């Protein structure tokens, strides 16, 4: 397997489970540079939204839609993500958003059970669930610091109704509770540089961070070009120009 291709077994695993984890997808040098960039980027805090969970604890999220020639875009435009998403969706994709999730020690809030398509369908007028999210672990994600939790295979349920919970929207809890009887809960513990690809209808959540370690991640999302919003809204279509895998390290070298 090259960095931007999948085996038949991996494709089958994604279709069955609704998610796929690839360990060490980014090497130590790439991850170190990502950590140095994010942890020293004060603009992330300046631009971040505070999102309260049902108990009032806060997680910080910095989100943007348009890619550029900046360092973060060398990941979101990278073929390592784009080509895999096109393989899994089976169509040409474009970038819909990238966000940095900042779950700080002791105070980082939870994310309620939800499906990404629960938002994207209703709020952004995407008709079909032809969307995938790619989570890159910036630092260690563990159960103690509030790693992502998923219900394996729950994407087969289709889209559930979502209701407001705190500052968030959560999936209808009676359906989630029923789904938990049939779909195993998986704690997605990741090392820096690991990547989780997950289907837009996969039920997922995360608990509050009660540890002394932060839990940061970068999530880039992609949608099929054929599935662009059918009604104007805040989600704007921007054409995607992919870059090769070496763009991450070359960008840094050319900026010294």
Protein backbone atom coordinates (compact mmCIF):
# COMPACT_ATOMS: atom_id res chain seq x y z
CA UNK A 1 0.00 0.00 0.00
CA UNK A 2 1.29 3.45 -0.90
CA UNK A 3 0.46 6.33 1.37
CA UNK A 4 -2.50 7.39 -0.75
CA UNK A 5 -3.97 4.00 -1.62
CA UNK A 6 -5.90 1.34 0.27
CA UNK A 7 -5.98 -2.43 0.19
CA UNK A 8 -9.18 -4.31 -0.57
CA UNK A 9 -9.25 -5.43 3.07
CA UNK A 10 -9.12 -1.83 4.29
CA UNK A 11 -11.92 -0.78 1.95
CA UNK A 12 -14.05 -3.69 3.16
CA UNK A 13 -13.31 -2.79 6.77
CA UNK A 14 -14.46 0.79 6.23
CA UNK A 15 -17.65 -0.35 4.52
CA UNK A 16 -18.42 -2.78 7.33
CA UNK A 17 -17.43 -0.70 10.37
CA UNK A 18 -17.87 2.84 9.08
CA UNK A 19 -14.33 3.80 10.06
CA UNK A 20 -10.73 2.93 9.34
CA UNK A 21 -7.64 3.65 11.45
CA UNK A 22 -4.23 3.86 9.80
CA UNK A 23 -1.37 3.93 12.25
CA UNK A 24 1.67 6.19 11.75
CA UNK A 25 0.13 7.70 8.61
CA UNK A 26 2.33 10.76 9.16
CA UNK A 27 5.94 10.29 10.16
CA UNK A 28 7.71 11.68 13.22
CA UNK A 29 9.13 14.73 11.44
CA UNK A 30 5.76 15.65 9.93
CA UNK A 31 3.98 15.26 13.26
CA UNK A 32 6.62 17.24 15.14
CA UNK A 33 6.22 20.13 12.71
CA UNK A 34 2.44 19.95 13.02
CA UNK A 35 2.72 20.06 16.81
CA UNK A 36 5.15 22.98 16.73
CA UNK A 37 2.85 24.88 14.37
CA UNK A 38 -0.42 24.32 16.22
CA UNK A 39 0.86 24.67 19.78
CA UNK A 40 2.50 28.01 18.92
CA UNK A 41 -0.33 29.39 16.80
CA UNK A 42 -2.09 31.95 18.97
CA UNK A 43 -4.55 32.69 16.16
CA UNK A 44 -6.19 29.31 16.78
CA UNK A 45 -7.37 30.56 20.17
CA UNK A 46 -8.31 33.95 18.77
CA UNK A 47 -10.51 32.38 16.09
CA UNK A 48 -11.85 29.44 18.12
CA UNK A 49 -15.45 28.88 19.10
CA UNK A 50 -16.28 27.76 22.62
CA UNK A 51 -18.68 24.83 22.49
CA UNK A 52 -20.41 23.87 25.75
CA UNK A 53 -21.55 20.32 26.37
CA UNK A 54 -24.70 19.37 28.30
CA UNK A 55 -22.86 19.94 31.62
CA UNK A 56 -21.44 23.31 30.57
CA UNK A 57 -17.83 22.20 30.06
CA UNK A 58 -16.14 23.84 27.07
CA UNK A 59 -14.19 22.54 24.09
CA UNK A 60 -12.52 24.95 21.69
CA UNK A 61 -12.85 24.54 17.91
CA UNK A 62 -11.16 26.57 15.20
CA UNK A 63 -12.71 25.90 11.77
CA UNK A 64 -12.21 27.13 8.21
CA UNK A 65 -13.56 26.10 4.81
CA UNK A 66 -11.14 27.37 2.18
CA UNK A 67 -7.73 25.83 1.66
CA UNK A 68 -4.72 27.90 0.69
CA UNK A 69 -0.95 27.54 0.51
CA UNK A 70 -0.50 27.59 4.29
CA UNK A 71 0.98 24.74 6.31
CA UNK A 72 -2.36 23.28 7.44
CA UNK A 73 -3.48 23.05 3.81
CA UNK A 74 -0.52 20.84 3.00
CA UNK A 75 -2.40 18.24 5.07
CA UNK A 76 -5.97 18.98 3.92
CA UNK A 77 -4.93 19.23 0.25
CA UNK A 78 -2.60 16.25 0.53
CA UNK A 79 -3.22 13.22 -1.66
CA UNK A 80 -2.72 11.09 1.42
CA UNK A 81 -6.19 12.19 2.53
CA UNK A 82 -7.85 13.20 -0.74
CA UNK A 83 -7.07 10.03 -2.71
CA UNK A 84 -8.23 7.77 0.10
CA UNK A 85 -11.52 9.68 0.44
CA UNK A 86 -12.11 9.41 -3.29
CA UNK A 87 -11.49 5.67 -3.09
CA UNK A 88 -13.94 5.24 -0.21
CA UNK A 89 -16.64 7.50 -1.66
CA UNK A 90 -16.02 6.34 -5.22
CA UNK A 91 -16.17 9.84 -6.65
CA UNK A 92 -14.18 13.05 -6.99
CA UNK A 93 -14.28 15.01 -3.71
CA UNK A 94 -13.70 18.55 -2.54
CA UNK A 95 -12.66 19.93 0.85
CA UNK A 96 -15.54 21.20 2.98
CA UNK A 97 -13.75 22.16 6.20
CA UNK A 98 -10.76 21.70 8.42
CA UNK A 99 -10.94 22.21 12.14
CA UNK A 100 -8.50 22.08 15.01
CA UNK A 101 -10.11 20.51 18.07
CA UNK A 102 -8.58 21.76 21.33
CA UNK A 103 -9.62 19.76 24.36
CA UNK A 104 -7.59 21.21 27.21
CA UNK A 105 -6.45 19.41 30.40
CA UNK A 106 -9.05 19.04 33.16
CA UNK A 107 -11.55 21.46 31.55
CA UNK A 108 -12.04 20.21 27.98
CA UNK A 109 -15.72 19.48 27.35
CA UNK A 110 -17.47 16.47 25.91
CA UNK A 111 -19.02 16.10 22.46
CA UNK A 112 -22.44 14.52 22.53
CA UNK A 113 -23.45 11.51 20.42
CA UNK A 114 -23.95 12.74 16.87
CA UNK A 115 -23.46 12.06 13.17
CA UNK A 116 -21.71 14.66 11.05
CA UNK A 117 -24.36 14.19 8.38
CA UNK A 118 -26.94 15.13 11.00
CA UNK A 119 -25.58 18.68 10.61
CA UNK A 120 -24.48 18.67 7.00
CA UNK A 121 -27.80 17.39 5.64
CA UNK A 122 -30.05 19.79 7.52
CA UNK A 123 -27.80 22.85 7.88
CA UNK A 124 -25.79 22.65 4.66
CA UNK A 125 -28.31 21.04 2.28
CA UNK A 126 -26.22 18.05 1.28
CA UNK A 127 -28.60 15.47 -0.14
CA UNK A 128 -26.55 12.27 0.00
CA UNK A 129 -24.22 10.92 2.72
CA UNK A 130 -21.21 11.06 0.40
CA UNK A 131 -18.95 12.69 2.98
CA UNK A 132 -15.96 11.53 5.02
CA UNK A 133 -14.00 13.05 7.90
CA UNK A 134 -10.29 12.44 8.48
CA UNK A 135 -9.00 12.91 12.02
CA UNK A 136 -5.24 13.38 12.44
CA UNK A 137 -4.04 12.92 16.02
CA UNK A 138 -1.80 15.88 16.89
CA UNK A 139 -0.97 14.40 20.28
CA UNK A 140 -1.91 11.24 22.16
CA UNK A 141 -5.64 10.50 22.31
CA UNK A 142 -6.60 8.24 25.22
CA UNK A 143 -9.71 7.38 27.18
CA UNK A 144 -8.39 9.55 30.01
CA UNK A 145 -8.12 12.73 27.93
CA UNK A 146 -11.39 12.24 26.06
CA UNK A 147 -10.61 10.30 22.88
CA UNK A 148 -13.27 9.82 20.25
CA UNK A 149 -15.76 7.00 20.80
CA UNK A 150 -17.68 5.40 17.94
CA UNK A 151 -20.46 2.86 17.57
CA UNK A 152 -19.04 0.33 15.13
CA UNK A 153 -21.23 -0.17 12.06
CA UNK A 154 -23.76 2.47 13.14
CA UNK A 155 -23.46 4.25 9.77
CA UNK A 156 -25.76 1.52 8.44
CA UNK A 157 -28.60 3.06 10.48
CA UNK A 158 -28.80 6.03 8.15
CA UNK A 159 -29.22 9.59 9.35
CA UNK A 160 -30.90 10.14 12.72
CA UNK A 161 -32.74 13.25 13.90
CA UNK A 162 -30.60 15.72 15.85
CA UNK A 163 -31.62 18.10 18.63
CA UNK A 164 -29.87 20.91 20.50
CA UNK A 165 -27.80 19.81 23.53
CA UNK A 166 -25.90 22.61 25.27
CA UNK A 167 -24.22 24.55 22.45
CA UNK A 168 -24.14 21.39 20.35
CA UNK A 169 -26.57 19.26 18.38
CA UNK A 170 -26.89 15.65 19.44
CA UNK A 171 -28.56 12.64 17.86
CA UNK A 172 -31.96 11.66 19.28
CA UNK A 173 -30.91 9.85 22.43
CA UNK A 174 -33.59 7.15 22.36
CA UNK A 175 -32.26 5.99 18.99
CA UNK A 176 -28.66 6.15 20.22
CA UNK A 177 -29.53 4.05 23.26
CA UNK A 178 -31.19 1.47 21.03
CA UNK A 179 -28.23 1.47 18.66
CA UNK A 180 -25.86 0.79 21.58
CA UNK A 181 -27.56 -2.57 22.09
CA UNK A 182 -26.50 -3.71 18.63
CA UNK A 183 -23.31 -1.79 17.84
CA UNK A 184 -20.11 -2.12 19.86
CA UNK A 185 -18.61 0.99 21.43
CA UNK A 186 -15.00 1.50 20.35
CA UNK A 187 -12.59 3.88 22.09
CA UNK A 188 -10.47 5.35 19.31
CA UNK A 189 -7.13 5.74 21.05
CA UNK A 190 -4.60 7.28 18.67
CA UNK A 191 -0.91 8.08 18.74
CA UNK A 192 0.39 11.29 17.14
CA UNK A 193 0.34 10.85 13.37
CA UNK A 194 -2.38 8.18 13.35
CA UNK A 195 -5.42 8.93 11.18
CA UNK A 196 -9.05 7.94 11.60
CA UNK A 197 -11.23 7.99 8.46
CA UNK A 198 -14.93 7.86 9.33
CA UNK A 199 -18.26 7.85 7.49
CA UNK A 200 -20.53 10.87 7.91
CA UNK A 201 -23.33 8.72 9.40
CA UNK A 202 -21.13 7.01 11.98
CA UNK A 203 -22.35 7.78 15.50
CA UNK A 204 -19.53 9.22 17.58
CA UNK A 205 -18.89 11.23 20.73
CA UNK A 206 -16.11 12.04 23.19
CA UNK A 207 -16.00 12.46 26.95
CA UNK A 208 -14.66 15.39 28.95
CA UNK A 209 -10.91 15.63 29.44
CA UNK A 210 -10.26 14.89 33.11
CA UNK A 211 -6.53 14.27 32.69
CA UNK A 212 -3.46 16.51 32.83
CA UNK A 213 -2.78 15.96 29.11
CA UNK A 214 -4.39 17.97 26.29
CA UNK A 215 -6.12 16.20 23.39
CA UNK A 216 -5.68 18.05 20.12
CA UNK A 217 -6.64 16.84 16.67
CA UNK A 218 -7.04 18.20 13.16
CA UNK A 219 -10.10 17.02 11.23
CA UNK A 220 -10.47 17.59 7.50
CA UNK A 221 -13.80 16.76 5.87
CA UNK A 222 -14.56 16.00 2.23
CA UNK A 223 -17.75 15.75 0.18
CA UNK A 224 -18.41 14.36 -3.30
CA UNK A 225 -18.35 17.08 -5.96
CA UNK A 226 -21.69 15.70 -7.21
CA UNK A 227 -23.17 16.27 -3.73
CA UNK A 228 -22.67 20.03 -3.47
CA UNK A 229 -25.37 21.88 -1.46
CA UNK A 230 -28.54 22.27 -3.47
CA UNK A 231 -29.43 25.49 -1.66
CA UNK A 232 -27.17 28.43 -0.83
CA UNK A 233 -25.87 28.42 2.74
CA UNK A 234 -22.71 29.09 4.75
CA UNK A 235 -21.00 25.99 3.29
CA UNK A 236 -19.35 27.26 0.12
CA UNK A 237 -17.88 25.09 -2.62
CA UNK A 238 -14.20 25.77 -3.29
CA UNK A 239 -12.37 23.73 -5.96
CA UNK A 240 -9.67 21.51 -4.51
CA UNK A 241 -6.13 21.37 -5.90
CA UNK A 242 -4.36 18.37 -4.33
CA UNK A 243 -0.67 18.41 -3.44
CA UNK A 244 1.77 15.53 -3.20
CA UNK A 245 2.73 13.95 0.11
CA UNK A 246 6.12 15.67 0.26
CA UNK A 247 4.42 19.10 0.34
CA UNK A 248 4.30 19.01 4.17
CA UNK A 249 8.07 18.88 4.59
CA UNK A 250 8.83 20.95 1.48
CA UNK A 251 6.60 23.75 2.74
CA UNK A 252 8.57 23.96 5.94
CA UNK A 253 11.89 23.86 4.12
CA UNK A 254 10.91 26.63 1.74
CA UNK A 255 9.73 28.80 4.64
CA UNK A 256 12.95 28.70 6.65
